[in-house]
Amino acid sequence: MAGVRLFLDGTREGGRPFAPSSTVLYFRTPDIRLTRRELAGRGVRFDDEPHLIAAMEDHDLWMTFFRDPDGNTLALMMEAPKGFTP
């Protein structure tokens, strides 16, 4: 995660597990097609195909979403050149 330290705790006070939240972790990738294919080959099940989220002035933002074993939403994101098609 490029030097980012992240702490996740699986239980809350009283030993009850946390419910999945609406927080999403986004993983930037230079090639969303390749990364998705590699993760799918390792058994990751995606909720959708890579799709355009926002057309920015100088690039397009593409994402695809998946879930961890606890049901938390994760995403791959790619800041693609204009005109990119997966």
C-alpha atoms as a PDB file:
ATOM      1  CA  MET A   1       0.000   0.000   0.000  1.00  0.00           C
ATOM      2  CA  ALA A   2       2.837   2.343  -0.908  1.00  0.00           C
ATOM      3  CA  GLY A   3       3.990   3.058   2.619  1.00  0.00           C
ATOM      4  CA  VAL A   4       0.551   3.451   4.164  1.00  0.00           C
ATOM      5  CA  ARG A   5       0.115   1.653   7.456  1.00  0.00           C
ATOM      6  CA  LEU A   6      -3.407   0.387   8.070  1.00  0.00           C
ATOM      7  CA  PHE A   7      -4.717  -1.218  11.244  1.00  0.00           C
ATOM      8  CA  LEU A   8      -7.899  -3.287  11.063  1.00  0.00           C
ATOM      9  CA  ASP A   9      -9.510  -4.804  14.123  1.00  0.00           C
ATOM     10  CA  GLY A  10     -11.942  -7.676  13.721  1.00  0.00           C
ATOM     11  CA  THR A  11     -13.834  -7.439  17.011  1.00  0.00           C
ATOM     12  CA  ARG A  12     -15.353  -4.747  19.153  1.00  0.00           C
ATOM     13  CA  GLU A  13     -15.878  -4.517  22.873  1.00  0.00           C
ATOM     14  CA  GLY A  14     -17.595  -7.638  24.186  1.00  0.00           C
ATOM     15  CA  GLY A  15     -16.105  -9.828  21.463  1.00  0.00           C
ATOM     16  CA  ARG A  16     -18.844  -9.119  18.892  1.00  0.00           C
ATOM     17  CA  PRO A  17     -17.517  -8.785  15.333  1.00  0.00           C
ATOM     18  CA  PHE A  18     -17.842  -5.499  13.498  1.00  0.00           C
ATOM     19  CA  ALA A  19     -20.460  -5.418  10.757  1.00  0.00           C
ATOM     20  CA  PRO A  20     -19.124  -4.514   7.316  1.00  0.00           C
ATOM     21  CA  SER A  21     -19.120  -0.748   6.937  1.00  0.00           C
ATOM     22  CA  SER A  22     -19.717   1.646   4.098  1.00  0.00           C
ATOM     23  CA  THR A  23     -16.012   2.490   4.068  1.00  0.00           C
ATOM     24  CA  VAL A  24     -14.293   1.475   0.836  1.00  0.00           C
ATOM     25  CA  LEU A  25     -10.570   0.928   0.363  1.00  0.00           C
ATOM     26  CA  TYR A  26      -9.422   1.896  -3.126  1.00  0.00           C
ATOM     27  CA  PHE A  27      -6.290   0.361  -4.616  1.00  0.00           C
ATOM     28  CA  ARG A  28      -4.769   2.379  -7.446  1.00  0.00           C
ATOM     29  CA  THR A  29      -3.429   0.290 -10.290  1.00  0.00           C
ATOM     30  CA  PRO A  30      -1.730   1.285 -13.543  1.00  0.00           C
ATOM     31  CA  ASP A  31      -3.654  -1.435 -15.443  1.00  0.00           C
ATOM     32  CA  ILE A  32      -7.131  -2.260 -14.123  1.00  0.00           C
ATOM     33  CA  ARG A  33      -7.663  -5.067 -16.676  1.00  0.00           C
ATOM     34  CA  LEU A  34      -4.465  -6.896 -15.782  1.00  0.00           C
ATOM     35  CA  THR A  35      -4.882  -6.466 -12.015  1.00  0.00           C
ATOM     36  CA  ARG A  36      -8.505  -7.639 -12.124  1.00  0.00           C
ATOM     37  CA  ARG A  37      -7.547 -10.676 -14.229  1.00  0.00           C
ATOM     38  CA  GLU A  38      -4.714 -11.593 -11.827  1.00  0.00           C
ATOM     39  CA  LEU A  39      -6.935 -11.261  -8.736  1.00  0.00           C
ATOM     40  CA  ALA A  40      -9.797 -13.176 -10.357  1.00  0.00           C
ATOM     41  CA  GLY A  41      -7.298 -15.926 -11.182  1.00  0.00           C
ATOM     42  CA  ARG A  42      -6.548 -16.147  -7.466  1.00  0.00           C
ATOM     43  CA  GLY A  43     -10.218 -16.589  -6.606  1.00  0.00           C
ATOM     44  CA  VAL A  44     -11.321 -12.996  -5.959  1.00  0.00           C
ATOM     45  CA  ARG A  45     -14.955 -12.560  -7.003  1.00  0.00           C
ATOM     46  CA  PHE A  46     -15.782  -9.151  -8.430  1.00  0.00           C
ATOM     47  CA  ASP A  47     -19.157  -7.407  -8.156  1.00  0.00           C
ATOM     48  CA  ASP A  48     -18.843  -5.816 -11.596  1.00  0.00           C
ATOM     49  CA  GLU A  49     -16.635  -5.167 -14.603  1.00  0.00           C
ATOM     50  CA  PRO A  50     -14.301  -2.165 -14.797  1.00  0.00           C
ATOM     51  CA  HIS A  51     -16.434   0.858 -15.613  1.00  0.00           C
ATOM     52  CA  LEU A  52     -16.067   4.592 -16.038  1.00  0.00           C
ATOM     53  CA  ILE A  53     -16.788   6.458 -12.802  1.00  0.00           C
ATOM     54  CA  ALA A  54     -15.873  10.006 -13.831  1.00  0.00           C
ATOM     55  CA  ALA A  55     -14.575  11.763 -16.906  1.00  0.00           C
ATOM     56  CA  MET A  56     -12.073  14.279 -15.585  1.00  0.00           C
ATOM     57  CA  GLU A  57     -10.491  17.111 -17.519  1.00  0.00           C
ATOM     58  CA  ASP A  58      -7.185  15.322 -18.138  1.00  0.00           C
ATOM     59  CA  HIS A  59      -8.011  11.650 -17.473  1.00  0.00           C
ATOM     60  CA  ASP A  60     -10.857   9.197 -16.900  1.00  0.00           C
ATOM     61  CA  LEU A  61     -11.437   7.408 -13.592  1.00  0.00           C
ATOM     62  CA  TRP A  62     -12.244   3.706 -13.918  1.00  0.00           C
ATOM     63  CA  MET A  63     -13.171   1.332 -11.069  1.00  0.00           C
ATOM     64  CA  THR A  64     -14.259  -2.208 -10.329  1.00  0.00           C
ATOM     65  CA  PHE A  65     -15.491  -3.441  -6.951  1.00  0.00           C
ATOM     66  CA  PHE A  66     -15.053  -6.638  -4.941  1.00  0.00           C
ATOM     67  CA  ARG A  67     -15.435  -7.777  -1.330  1.00  0.00           C
ATOM     68  CA  ASP A  68     -13.070  -9.212   1.230  1.00  0.00           C
ATOM     69  CA  PRO A  69     -13.998 -12.438   3.088  1.00  0.00           C
ATOM     70  CA  ASP A  70     -15.834 -10.362   5.743  1.00  0.00           C
ATOM     71  CA  GLY A  71     -18.016  -8.596   3.183  1.00  0.00           C
ATOM     72  CA  ASN A  72     -16.188  -5.252   3.215  1.00  0.00           C
ATOM     73  CA  THR A  73     -16.153  -3.431  -0.116  1.00  0.00           C
ATOM     74  CA  LEU A  74     -12.812  -2.907  -1.848  1.00  0.00           C
ATOM     75  CA  ALA A  75     -12.100  -1.400  -5.248  1.00  0.00           C
ATOM     76  CA  LEU A  76      -9.477  -1.197  -7.926  1.00  0.00           C
ATOM     77  CA  MET A  77      -9.144   2.245  -9.469  1.00  0.00           C
ATOM     78  CA  MET A  78      -7.263   3.461 -12.509  1.00  0.00           C
ATOM     79  CA  GLU A  79      -6.638   7.023 -13.616  1.00  0.00           C
ATOM     80  CA  ALA A  80      -6.691   6.240 -17.314  1.00  0.00           C
ATOM     81  CA  PRO A  81      -5.784   8.333 -20.313  1.00  0.00           C
ATOM     82  CA  LYS A  82      -8.751   9.849 -22.144  1.00  0.00           C
ATOM     83  CA  GLY A  83     -10.325   7.329 -24.524  1.00  0.00           C
ATOM     84  CA  PHE A  84      -9.265   4.246 -22.514  1.00  0.00           C
ATOM     85  CA  THR A  85     -11.495   1.193 -22.936  1.00  0.00           C
ATOM     86  CA  PRO A  86     -11.019  -1.940 -20.849  1.00  0.00           C
END
